[in-house]
PDB file of N, CA and C in Angstrom:
ATOM      1  N   MET A   1     -15.379  -4.945   8.588  1.00  0.00           N
ATOM      2  CA  MET A   1     -16.455  -5.007   9.537  1.00  0.00           C
ATOM      3  C   MET A   1     -16.754  -6.479   9.812  1.00  0.00           C
ATOM      4  N   LEU A   2     -16.822  -6.785  11.066  1.00  0.00           N
ATOM      5  CA  LEU A   2     -17.211  -8.128  11.489  1.00  0.00           C
ATOM      6  C   LEU A   2     -18.676  -8.055  11.905  1.00  0.00           C
ATOM      7  N   SER A   3     -19.547  -8.511  11.042  1.00  0.00           N
ATOM      8  CA  SER A   3     -20.989  -8.418  11.279  1.00  0.00           C
ATOM      9  C   SER A   3     -21.472  -9.593  12.123  1.00  0.00           C
ATOM     10  N   LYS A   4     -22.669  -9.421  12.701  1.00  0.00           N
ATOM     11  CA  LYS A   4     -23.316 -10.438  13.536  1.00  0.00           C
ATOM     12  C   LYS A   4     -22.449 -10.818  14.732  1.00  0.00           C
ATOM     13  N   TRP A   5     -21.806  -9.824  15.317  1.00  0.00           N
ATOM     14  CA  TRP A   5     -20.877 -10.052  16.414  1.00  0.00           C
ATOM     15  C   TRP A   5     -21.587 -10.636  17.632  1.00  0.00           C
ATOM     16  N   ASP A   6     -22.904 -10.448  17.746  1.00  0.00           N
ATOM     17  CA  ASP A   6     -23.653 -10.999  18.874  1.00  0.00           C
ATOM     18  C   ASP A   6     -23.701 -12.520  18.846  1.00  0.00           C
ATOM     19  N   LEU A   7     -23.413 -13.134  17.715  1.00  0.00           N
ATOM     20  CA  LEU A   7     -23.443 -14.597  17.604  1.00  0.00           C
ATOM     21  C   LEU A   7     -22.113 -15.251  17.997  1.00  0.00           C
ATOM     22  N   ILE A   8     -21.075 -14.448  18.214  1.00  0.00           N
ATOM     23  CA  ILE A   8     -19.763 -14.974  18.602  1.00  0.00           C
ATOM     24  C   ILE A   8     -19.770 -15.280  20.095  1.00  0.00           C
ATOM     25  N   ALA A   9     -19.185 -16.413  20.439  1.00  0.00           N
ATOM     26  CA  ALA A   9     -19.106 -16.802  21.851  1.00  0.00           C
ATOM     27  C   ALA A   9     -18.336 -15.753  22.642  1.00  0.00           C
ATOM     28  N   ASP A  10     -18.742 -15.538  23.879  1.00  0.00           N
ATOM     29  CA  ASP A  10     -18.122 -14.521  24.733  1.00  0.00           C
ATOM     30  C   ASP A  10     -16.812 -15.059  25.308  1.00  0.00           C
ATOM     31  N   VAL A  11     -15.758 -14.975  24.499  1.00  0.00           N
ATOM     32  CA  VAL A  11     -14.424 -15.412  24.892  1.00  0.00           C
ATOM     33  C   VAL A  11     -13.562 -14.166  25.026  1.00  0.00           C
ATOM     34  N   ALA A  12     -12.621 -14.198  25.952  1.00  0.00           N
ATOM     35  CA  ALA A  12     -11.832 -13.006  26.275  1.00  0.00           C
ATOM     36  C   ALA A  12     -11.133 -12.389  25.057  1.00  0.00           C
ATOM     37  N   ASN A  13     -10.507 -13.193  24.227  1.00  0.00           N
ATOM     38  CA  ASN A  13      -9.726 -12.652  23.108  1.00  0.00           C
ATOM     39  C   ASN A  13     -10.344 -12.991  21.751  1.00  0.00           C
ATOM     40  N   ALA A  14     -11.642 -13.140  21.687  1.00  0.00           N
ATOM     41  CA  ALA A  14     -12.301 -13.523  20.429  1.00  0.00           C
ATOM     42  C   ALA A  14     -12.066 -12.485  19.339  1.00  0.00           C
ATOM     43  N   PHE A  15     -12.186 -11.197  19.679  1.00  0.00           N
ATOM     44  CA  PHE A  15     -11.989 -10.152  18.675  1.00  0.00           C
ATOM     45  C   PHE A  15     -10.563 -10.195  18.123  1.00  0.00           C
ATOM     46  N   ASN A  16      -9.577 -10.320  19.010  1.00  0.00           N
ATOM     47  CA  ASN A  16      -8.175 -10.384  18.565  1.00  0.00           C
ATOM     48  C   ASN A  16      -7.923 -11.608  17.693  1.00  0.00           C
ATOM     49  N   ALA A  17      -8.474 -12.748  18.086  1.00  0.00           N
ATOM     50  CA  ALA A  17      -8.270 -13.982  17.322  1.00  0.00           C
ATOM     51  C   ALA A  17      -8.886 -13.871  15.929  1.00  0.00           C
ATOM     52  N   ILE A  18     -10.091 -13.355  15.853  1.00  0.00           N
ATOM     53  CA  ILE A  18     -10.759 -13.243  14.556  1.00  0.00           C
ATOM     54  C   ILE A  18     -10.100 -12.161  13.705  1.00  0.00           C
ATOM     55  N   SER A  19      -9.670 -11.071  14.328  1.00  0.00           N
ATOM     56  CA  SER A  19      -8.956 -10.021  13.592  1.00  0.00           C
ATOM     57  C   SER A  19      -7.651 -10.562  13.012  1.00  0.00           C
ATOM     58  N   ASP A  20      -6.910 -11.309  13.827  1.00  0.00           N
ATOM     59  CA  ASP A  20      -5.655 -11.899  13.346  1.00  0.00           C
ATOM     60  C   ASP A  20      -5.905 -12.849  12.181  1.00  0.00           C
ATOM     61  N   ARG A  21      -6.935 -13.658  12.294  1.00  0.00           N
ATOM     62  CA  ARG A  21      -7.270 -14.604  11.223  1.00  0.00           C
ATOM     63  C   ARG A  21      -7.669 -13.861   9.947  1.00  0.00           C
ATOM     64  N   THR A  22      -8.445 -12.797  10.098  1.00  0.00           N
ATOM     65  CA  THR A  22      -8.865 -11.989   8.952  1.00  0.00           C
ATOM     66  C   THR A  22      -7.649 -11.352   8.275  1.00  0.00           C
ATOM     67  N   ARG A  23      -6.738 -10.812   9.065  1.00  0.00           N
ATOM     68  CA  ARG A  23      -5.520 -10.199   8.505  1.00  0.00           C
ATOM     69  C   ARG A  23      -4.652 -11.256   7.807  1.00  0.00           C
ATOM     70  N   PHE A  24      -4.639 -12.484   8.354  1.00  0.00           N
ATOM     71  CA  PHE A  24      -3.876 -13.571   7.732  1.00  0.00           C
ATOM     72  C   PHE A  24      -4.489 -13.957   6.383  1.00  0.00           C
ATOM     73  N   LEU A  25      -5.804 -14.050   6.331  1.00  0.00           N
ATOM     74  CA  LEU A  25      -6.481 -14.468   5.102  1.00  0.00           C
ATOM     75  C   LEU A  25      -6.494 -13.376   4.035  1.00  0.00           C
ATOM     76  N   PHE A  26      -6.485 -12.121   4.460  1.00  0.00           N
ATOM     77  CA  PHE A  26      -6.551 -10.996   3.529  1.00  0.00           C
ATOM     78  C   PHE A  26      -5.420 -10.004   3.804  1.00  0.00           C
ATOM     79  N   PRO A  27      -4.174 -10.399   3.557  1.00  0.00           N
ATOM     80  CA  PRO A  27      -3.038  -9.518   3.887  1.00  0.00           C
ATOM     81  C   PRO A  27      -3.037  -8.215   3.084  1.00  0.00           C
ATOM     82  N   GLN A  28      -3.674  -8.207   1.926  1.00  0.00           N
ATOM     83  CA  GLN A  28      -3.711  -6.992   1.116  1.00  0.00           C
ATOM     84  C   GLN A  28      -4.578  -5.917   1.767  1.00  0.00           C
ATOM     85  N   LEU A  29      -5.357  -6.282   2.776  1.00  0.00           N
ATOM     86  CA  LEU A  29      -6.219  -5.327   3.470  1.00  0.00           C
ATOM     87  C   LEU A  29      -5.710  -5.005   4.867  1.00  0.00           C
ATOM     88  N   ASP A  30      -4.394  -5.125   5.072  1.00  0.00           N
ATOM     89  CA  ASP A  30      -3.849  -4.887   6.412  1.00  0.00           C
ATOM     90  C   ASP A  30      -4.003  -3.441   6.865  1.00  0.00           C
ATOM     91  N   PHE A  31      -4.254  -2.533   5.946  1.00  0.00           N
ATOM     92  CA  PHE A  31      -4.443  -1.120   6.278  1.00  0.00           C
ATOM     93  C   PHE A  31      -5.859  -0.826   6.787  1.00  0.00           C
ATOM     94  N   ALA A  32      -6.797  -1.704   6.506  1.00  0.00           N
ATOM     95  CA  ALA A  32      -8.211  -1.434   6.791  1.00  0.00           C
ATOM     96  C   ALA A  32      -8.543  -1.707   8.258  1.00  0.00           C
ATOM     97  N   PRO A  33      -9.273  -0.796   8.887  1.00  0.00           N
ATOM     98  CA  PRO A  33      -9.686  -1.049  10.270  1.00  0.00           C
ATOM     99  C   PRO A  33     -10.746  -2.145  10.341  1.00  0.00           C
ATOM    100  N   ILE A  34     -10.752  -2.863  11.443  1.00  0.00           N
ATOM    101  CA  ILE A  34     -11.742  -3.913  11.664  1.00  0.00           C
ATOM    102  C   ILE A  34     -12.629  -3.485  12.822  1.00  0.00           C
ATOM    103  N   VAL A  35     -13.931  -3.513  12.595  1.00  0.00           N
ATOM    104  CA  VAL A  35     -14.903  -3.100  13.609  1.00  0.00           C
ATOM    105  C   VAL A  35     -15.930  -4.214  13.762  1.00  0.00           C
ATOM    106  N   ALA A  36     -16.185  -4.603  14.995  1.00  0.00           N
ATOM    107  CA  ALA A  36     -17.195  -5.621  15.281  1.00  0.00           C
ATOM    108  C   ALA A  36     -18.546  -4.939  15.449  1.00  0.00           C
ATOM    109  N   VAL A  37     -19.558  -5.437  14.728  1.00  0.00           N
ATOM    110  CA  VAL A  37     -20.878  -4.809  14.720  1.00  0.00           C
ATOM    111  C   VAL A  37     -21.961  -5.864  14.903  1.00  0.00           C
ATOM    112  N   SER A  38     -22.983  -5.485  15.641  1.00  0.00           N
ATOM    113  CA  SER A  38     -24.176  -6.309  15.748  1.00  0.00           C
ATOM    114  C   SER A  38     -25.382  -5.389  15.608  1.00  0.00           C
ATOM    115  N   ALA A  39     -26.069  -5.460  14.500  1.00  0.00           N
ATOM    116  CA  ALA A  39     -27.261  -4.643  14.292  1.00  0.00           C
ATOM    117  C   ALA A  39     -28.384  -5.107  15.222  1.00  0.00           C
ATOM    118  N   HIS A  40     -28.440  -6.405  15.453  1.00  0.00           N
ATOM    119  CA  HIS A  40     -29.478  -6.962  16.319  1.00  0.00           C
ATOM    120  C   HIS A  40     -29.354  -6.422  17.743  1.00  0.00           C
ATOM    121  N   ALA A  41     -28.133  -6.447  18.277  1.00  0.00           N
ATOM    122  CA  ALA A  41     -27.898  -5.955  19.636  1.00  0.00           C
ATOM    123  C   ALA A  41     -27.638  -4.451  19.654  1.00  0.00           C
ATOM    124  N   GLY A  42     -27.366  -3.876  18.499  1.00  0.00           N
ATOM    125  CA  GLY A  42     -27.097  -2.445  18.418  1.00  0.00           C
ATOM    126  C   GLY A  42     -25.728  -2.043  18.924  1.00  0.00           C
ATOM    127  N   THR A  43     -24.787  -2.955  18.906  1.00  0.00           N
ATOM    128  CA  THR A  43     -23.443  -2.646  19.383  1.00  0.00           C
ATOM    129  C   THR A  43     -22.494  -2.426  18.216  1.00  0.00           C
ATOM    130  N   GLY A  44     -21.544  -1.535  18.422  1.00  0.00           N
ATOM    131  CA  GLY A  44     -20.515  -1.274  17.432  1.00  0.00           C
ATOM    132  C   GLY A  44     -20.907  -0.324  16.316  1.00  0.00           C
ATOM    133  N   VAL A  45     -22.163   0.085  16.279  1.00  0.00           N
ATOM    134  CA  VAL A  45     -22.635   0.937  15.188  1.00  0.00           C
ATOM    135  C   VAL A  45     -21.985   2.321  15.275  1.00  0.00           C
ATOM    136  N   GLU A  46     -21.916   2.883  16.494  1.00  0.00           N
ATOM    137  CA  GLU A  46     -21.274   4.191  16.653  1.00  0.00           C
ATOM    138  C   GLU A  46     -19.803   4.123  16.274  1.00  0.00           C
ATOM    139  N   LYS A  47     -19.126   3.067  16.682  1.00  0.00           N
ATOM    140  CA  LYS A  47     -17.708   2.911  16.335  1.00  0.00           C
ATOM    141  C   LYS A  47     -17.543   2.758  14.823  1.00  0.00           C
ATOM    142  N   LEU A  48     -18.457   2.040  14.188  1.00  0.00           N
ATOM    143  CA  LEU A  48     -18.411   1.878  12.740  1.00  0.00           C
ATOM    144  C   LEU A  48     -18.558   3.227  12.043  1.00  0.00           C
ATOM    145  N   LEU A  49     -19.499   4.043  12.507  1.00  0.00           N
ATOM    146  CA  LEU A  49     -19.704   5.355  11.893  1.00  0.00           C
ATOM    147  C   LEU A  49     -18.505   6.274  12.118  1.00  0.00           C
ATOM    148  N   SER A  50     -17.940   6.279  13.310  1.00  0.00           N
ATOM    149  CA  SER A  50     -16.764   7.122  13.567  1.00  0.00           C
ATOM    150  C   SER A  50     -15.558   6.634  12.763  1.00  0.00           C
ATOM    151  N   THR A  51     -15.445   5.325  12.585  1.00  0.00           N
ATOM    152  CA  THR A  51     -14.362   4.779  11.761  1.00  0.00           C
ATOM    153  C   THR A  51     -14.555   5.175  10.306  1.00  0.00           C
ATOM    154  N   ALA A  52     -15.786   5.143   9.825  1.00  0.00           N
ATOM    155  CA  ALA A  52     -16.073   5.550   8.446  1.00  0.00           C
ATOM    156  C   ALA A  52     -15.728   7.021   8.230  1.00  0.00           C
ATOM    157  N   ILE A  53     -16.037   7.867   9.197  1.00  0.00           N
ATOM    158  CA  ILE A  53     -15.699   9.286   9.092  1.00  0.00           C
ATOM    159  C   ILE A  53     -14.183   9.469   9.085  1.00  0.00           C
ATOM    160  N   SER A  54     -13.484   8.723   9.930  1.00  0.00           N
ATOM    161  CA  SER A  54     -12.021   8.798   9.973  1.00  0.00           C
ATOM    162  C   SER A  54     -11.395   8.361   8.652  1.00  0.00           C
ATOM    163  N   VAL A  55     -11.907   7.280   8.077  1.00  0.00           N
ATOM    164  CA  VAL A  55     -11.392   6.785   6.796  1.00  0.00           C
ATOM    165  C   VAL A  55     -11.657   7.811   5.690  1.00  0.00           C
ATOM    166  N   ARG A  56     -12.819   8.443   5.731  1.00  0.00           N
ATOM    167  CA  ARG A  56     -13.151   9.480   4.739  1.00  0.00           C
ATOM    168  C   ARG A  56     -12.184  10.659   4.834  1.00  0.00           C
ATOM    169  N   LYS A  57     -11.839  11.052   6.061  1.00  0.00           N
ATOM    170  CA  LYS A  57     -10.862  12.136   6.241  1.00  0.00           C
ATOM    171  C   LYS A  57      -9.505  11.751   5.662  1.00  0.00           C
ATOM    172  N   GLN A  58      -9.101  10.498   5.857  1.00  0.00           N
ATOM    173  CA  GLN A  58      -7.837  10.028   5.291  1.00  0.00           C
ATOM    174  C   GLN A  58      -7.882  10.033   3.767  1.00  0.00           C
ATOM    175  N   LEU A  59      -9.036   9.674   3.214  1.00  0.00           N
ATOM    176  CA  LEU A  59      -9.204   9.655   1.764  1.00  0.00           C
ATOM    177  C   LEU A  59      -9.041  11.051   1.177  1.00  0.00           C
ATOM    178  N   LEU A  60      -9.536  12.059   1.876  1.00  0.00           N
ATOM    179  CA  LEU A  60      -9.496  13.427   1.367  1.00  0.00           C
ATOM    180  C   LEU A  60      -8.233  14.180   1.758  1.00  0.00           C
ATOM    181  N   ARG A  61      -7.340  13.538   2.470  1.00  0.00           N
ATOM    182  CA  ARG A  61      -6.103  14.190   2.902  1.00  0.00           C
ATOM    183  C   ARG A  61      -5.217  14.487   1.699  1.00  0.00           C
ATOM    184  N   ARG A  62      -4.732  15.694   1.637  1.00  0.00           N
ATOM    185  CA  ARG A  62      -3.863  16.119   0.543  1.00  0.00           C
ATOM    186  C   ARG A  62      -2.413  15.994   0.985  1.00  0.00           C
ATOM    187  N   ILE A  63      -1.604  15.344   0.168  1.00  0.00           N
ATOM    188  CA  ILE A  63      -0.179  15.178   0.448  1.00  0.00           C
ATOM    189  C   ILE A  63       0.582  15.934  -0.624  1.00  0.00           C
ATOM    190  N   SER A  64       1.497  16.773  -0.208  1.00  0.00           N
ATOM    191  CA  SER A  64       2.230  17.598  -1.170  1.00  0.00           C
ATOM    192  C   SER A  64       3.160  16.739  -2.033  1.00  0.00           C
ATOM    193  N   ALA A  65       3.417  17.224  -3.225  1.00  0.00           N
ATOM    194  CA  ALA A  65       4.299  16.508  -4.155  1.00  0.00           C
ATOM    195  C   ALA A  65       5.696  16.374  -3.574  1.00  0.00           C
ATOM    196  N   SER A  66       6.165  17.391  -2.858  1.00  0.00           N
ATOM    197  CA  SER A  66       7.510  17.312  -2.276  1.00  0.00           C
ATOM    198  C   SER A  66       7.595  16.198  -1.238  1.00  0.00           C
ATOM    199  N   ASP A  67       6.543  16.033  -0.415  1.00  0.00           N
ATOM    200  CA  ASP A  67       6.539  14.940   0.561  1.00  0.00           C
ATOM    201  C   ASP A  67       6.493  13.578  -0.135  1.00  0.00           C
ATOM    202  N   LEU A  68       5.692  13.467  -1.174  1.00  0.00           N
ATOM    203  CA  LEU A  68       5.620  12.209  -1.929  1.00  0.00           C
ATOM    204  C   LEU A  68       6.966  11.865  -2.548  1.00  0.00           C
ATOM    205  N   ASN A  69       7.614  12.851  -3.130  1.00  0.00           N
ATOM    206  CA  ASN A  69       8.892  12.592  -3.793  1.00  0.00           C
ATOM    207  C   ASN A  69      10.007  12.304  -2.798  1.00  0.00           C
ATOM    208  N   ARG A  70       9.936  12.896  -1.608  1.00  0.00           N
ATOM    209  CA  ARG A  70      10.895  12.575  -0.556  1.00  0.00           C
ATOM    210  C   ARG A  70      10.714  11.118  -0.133  1.00  0.00           C
ATOM    211  N   SER A  71       9.465  10.688  -0.014  1.00  0.00           N
ATOM    212  CA  SER A  71       9.186   9.289   0.330  1.00  0.00           C
ATOM    213  C   SER A  71       9.638   8.350  -0.780  1.00  0.00           C
ATOM    214  N   LEU A  72       9.455   8.771  -2.024  1.00  0.00           N
ATOM    215  CA  LEU A  72       9.901   7.967  -3.163  1.00  0.00           C
ATOM    216  C   LEU A  72      11.397   7.703  -3.090  1.00  0.00           C
ATOM    217  N   LYS A  73      12.175   8.727  -2.787  1.00  0.00           N
ATOM    218  CA  LYS A  73      13.639   8.559  -2.664  1.00  0.00           C
ATOM    219  C   LYS A  73      13.966   7.566  -1.559  1.00  0.00           C
ATOM    220  N   SER A  74      13.246   7.663  -0.457  1.00  0.00           N
ATOM    221  CA  SER A  74      13.476   6.758   0.661  1.00  0.00           C
ATOM    222  C   SER A  74      13.132   5.319   0.281  1.00  0.00           C
ATOM    223  N   TRP A  75      11.970   5.146  -0.397  1.00  0.00           N
ATOM    224  CA  TRP A  75      11.562   3.802  -0.830  1.00  0.00           C
ATOM    225  C   TRP A  75      12.564   3.212  -1.809  1.00  0.00           C
ATOM    226  N   GLU A  76      13.046   4.030  -2.746  1.00  0.00           N
ATOM    227  CA  GLU A  76      14.015   3.532  -3.729  1.00  0.00           C
ATOM    228  C   GLU A  76      15.329   3.143  -3.069  1.00  0.00           C
ATOM    229  N   ALA A  77      15.722   3.867  -2.022  1.00  0.00           N
ATOM    230  CA  ALA A  77      16.956   3.529  -1.308  1.00  0.00           C
ATOM    231  C   ALA A  77      16.820   2.189  -0.592  1.00  0.00           C
ATOM    232  N   ARG A  78      15.643   1.938  -0.017  1.00  0.00           N
ATOM    233  CA  ARG A  78      15.423   0.676   0.696  1.00  0.00           C
ATOM    234  C   ARG A  78      15.118  -0.488  -0.233  1.00  0.00           C
ATOM    235  N   HIS A  79      14.416  -0.211  -1.329  1.00  0.00           N
ATOM    236  CA  HIS A  79      13.994  -1.257  -2.264  1.00  0.00           C
ATOM    237  C   HIS A  79      14.316  -0.806  -3.687  1.00  0.00           C
ATOM    238  N   PRO A  80      15.562  -0.971  -4.098  1.00  0.00           N
ATOM    239  CA  PRO A  80      15.922  -0.522  -5.444  1.00  0.00           C
ATOM    240  C   PRO A  80      15.142  -1.288  -6.513  1.00  0.00           C
ATOM    241  N   PRO A  81      14.810  -0.610  -7.620  1.00  0.00           N
ATOM    242  CA  PRO A  81      14.066  -1.284  -8.678  1.00  0.00           C
ATOM    243  C   PRO A  81      14.884  -2.427  -9.280  1.00  0.00           C
ATOM    244  N   PRO A  82      14.202  -3.488  -9.716  1.00  0.00           N
ATOM    245  CA  PRO A  82      14.924  -4.616 -10.307  1.00  0.00           C
ATOM    246  C   PRO A  82      15.548  -4.229 -11.641  1.00  0.00           C
ATOM    247  N   TYR A  83      16.634  -4.883 -11.935  1.00  0.00           N
ATOM    248  CA  TYR A  83      17.307  -4.650 -13.208  1.00  0.00           C
ATOM    249  C   TYR A  83      17.076  -5.848 -14.102  1.00  0.00           C
ATOM    250  N   GLY A  84      16.679  -5.614 -15.283  1.00  0.00           N
ATOM    251  CA  GLY A  84      16.454  -6.676 -16.245  1.00  0.00           C
ATOM    252  C   GLY A  84      16.845  -6.162 -17.605  1.00  0.00           C
ATOM    253  N   ARG A  85      16.085  -6.538 -18.599  1.00  0.00           N
ATOM    254  CA  ARG A  85      16.348  -6.039 -19.944  1.00  0.00           C
ATOM    255  C   ARG A  85      16.142  -4.536 -20.020  1.00  0.00           C
ATOM    256  N   LYS A  86      15.054  -4.117 -19.391  1.00  0.00           N
ATOM    257  CA  LYS A  86      14.757  -2.689 -19.394  1.00  0.00           C
ATOM    258  C   LYS A  86      14.806  -2.184 -17.962  1.00  0.00           C
ATOM    259  N   ARG A  87      15.392  -1.038 -17.797  1.00  0.00           N
ATOM    260  CA  ARG A  87      15.446  -0.419 -16.484  1.00  0.00           C
ATOM    261  C   ARG A  87      14.340   0.622 -16.423  1.00  0.00           C
ATOM    262  N   TYR A  88      13.690   0.659 -15.334  1.00  0.00           N
ATOM    263  CA  TYR A  88      12.679   1.688 -15.170  1.00  0.00           C
ATOM    264  C   TYR A  88      13.061   2.563 -13.986  1.00  0.00           C
ATOM    265  N   ARG A  89      12.518   3.737 -13.995  1.00  0.00           N
ATOM    266  CA  ARG A  89      12.774   4.655 -12.903  1.00  0.00           C
ATOM    267  C   ARG A  89      11.559   5.563 -12.745  1.00  0.00           C
ATOM    268  N   VAL A  90      11.055   5.616 -11.547  1.00  0.00           N
ATOM    269  CA  VAL A  90       9.977   6.548 -11.245  1.00  0.00           C
ATOM    270  C   VAL A  90      10.648   7.876 -10.938  1.00  0.00           C
ATOM    271  N   LYS A  91      10.269   8.889 -11.675  1.00  0.00           N
ATOM    272  CA  LYS A  91      10.941  10.179 -11.522  1.00  0.00           C
ATOM    273  C   LYS A  91      10.176  11.158 -10.649  1.00  0.00           C
ATOM    274  N   TYR A  92       8.863  11.030 -10.604  1.00  0.00           N
ATOM    275  CA  TYR A  92       8.077  12.044  -9.928  1.00  0.00           C
ATOM    276  C   TYR A  92       6.740  11.464  -9.490  1.00  0.00           C
ATOM    277  N   LEU A  93       6.279  11.857  -8.319  1.00  0.00           N
ATOM    278  CA  LEU A  93       4.964  11.444  -7.841  1.00  0.00           C
ATOM    279  C   LEU A  93       4.113  12.694  -7.609  1.00  0.00           C
ATOM    280  N   ALA A  94       2.838  12.581  -7.907  1.00  0.00           N
ATOM    281  CA  ALA A  94       1.884  13.649  -7.611  1.00  0.00           C
ATOM    282  C   ALA A  94       0.553  13.008  -7.268  1.00  0.00           C
ATOM    283  N   GLN A  95      -0.173  13.630  -6.367  1.00  0.00           N
ATOM    284  CA  GLN A  95      -1.466  13.126  -5.954  1.00  0.00           C
ATOM    285  C   GLN A  95      -2.550  13.769  -6.807  1.00  0.00           C
ATOM    286  N   ILE A  96      -3.469  12.940  -7.290  1.00  0.00           N
ATOM    287  CA  ILE A  96      -4.595  13.436  -8.078  1.00  0.00           C
ATOM    288  C   ILE A  96      -5.854  13.166  -7.263  1.00  0.00           C
ATOM    289  N   MET A  97      -6.616  14.186  -7.007  1.00  0.00           N
ATOM    290  CA  MET A  97      -7.849  14.041  -6.231  1.00  0.00           C
ATOM    291  C   MET A  97      -9.027  13.851  -7.165  1.00  0.00           C
ATOM    292  N   ARG A  98      -9.797  12.787  -6.925  1.00  0.00           N
ATOM    293  CA  ARG A  98     -10.973  12.519  -7.752  1.00  0.00           C
ATOM    294  C   ARG A  98     -12.175  12.183  -6.892  1.00  0.00           C
ATOM    295  N   CYS A  99     -12.361  12.880  -5.821  1.00  0.00           N
ATOM    296  CA  CYS A  99     -13.492  12.589  -4.933  1.00  0.00           C
ATOM    297  C   CYS A  99     -14.539  13.658  -5.020  1.00  0.00           C
TER     298      CYS A  99
END
């Protein structure tokens, strides 16, 4: 969430520029949506709430073990595990719901 968006200068690509900079600084959060919000002006609040609902639906999405294991095979084919003193192998994936 980009808060206090009303204080940003009205430039054509300001949102894209700041989003790109945020993604550059925090690459581990590249999956997270970015929403510009201004509580003072009351803009972006509806989009923030709809985004929160969408993220919640993704959190509660159930993925079957067969789909996870099919993806595991694909990931291992593209990125084989490193070999060192000890070899490891992921044999099975399962989703555990704790919400």
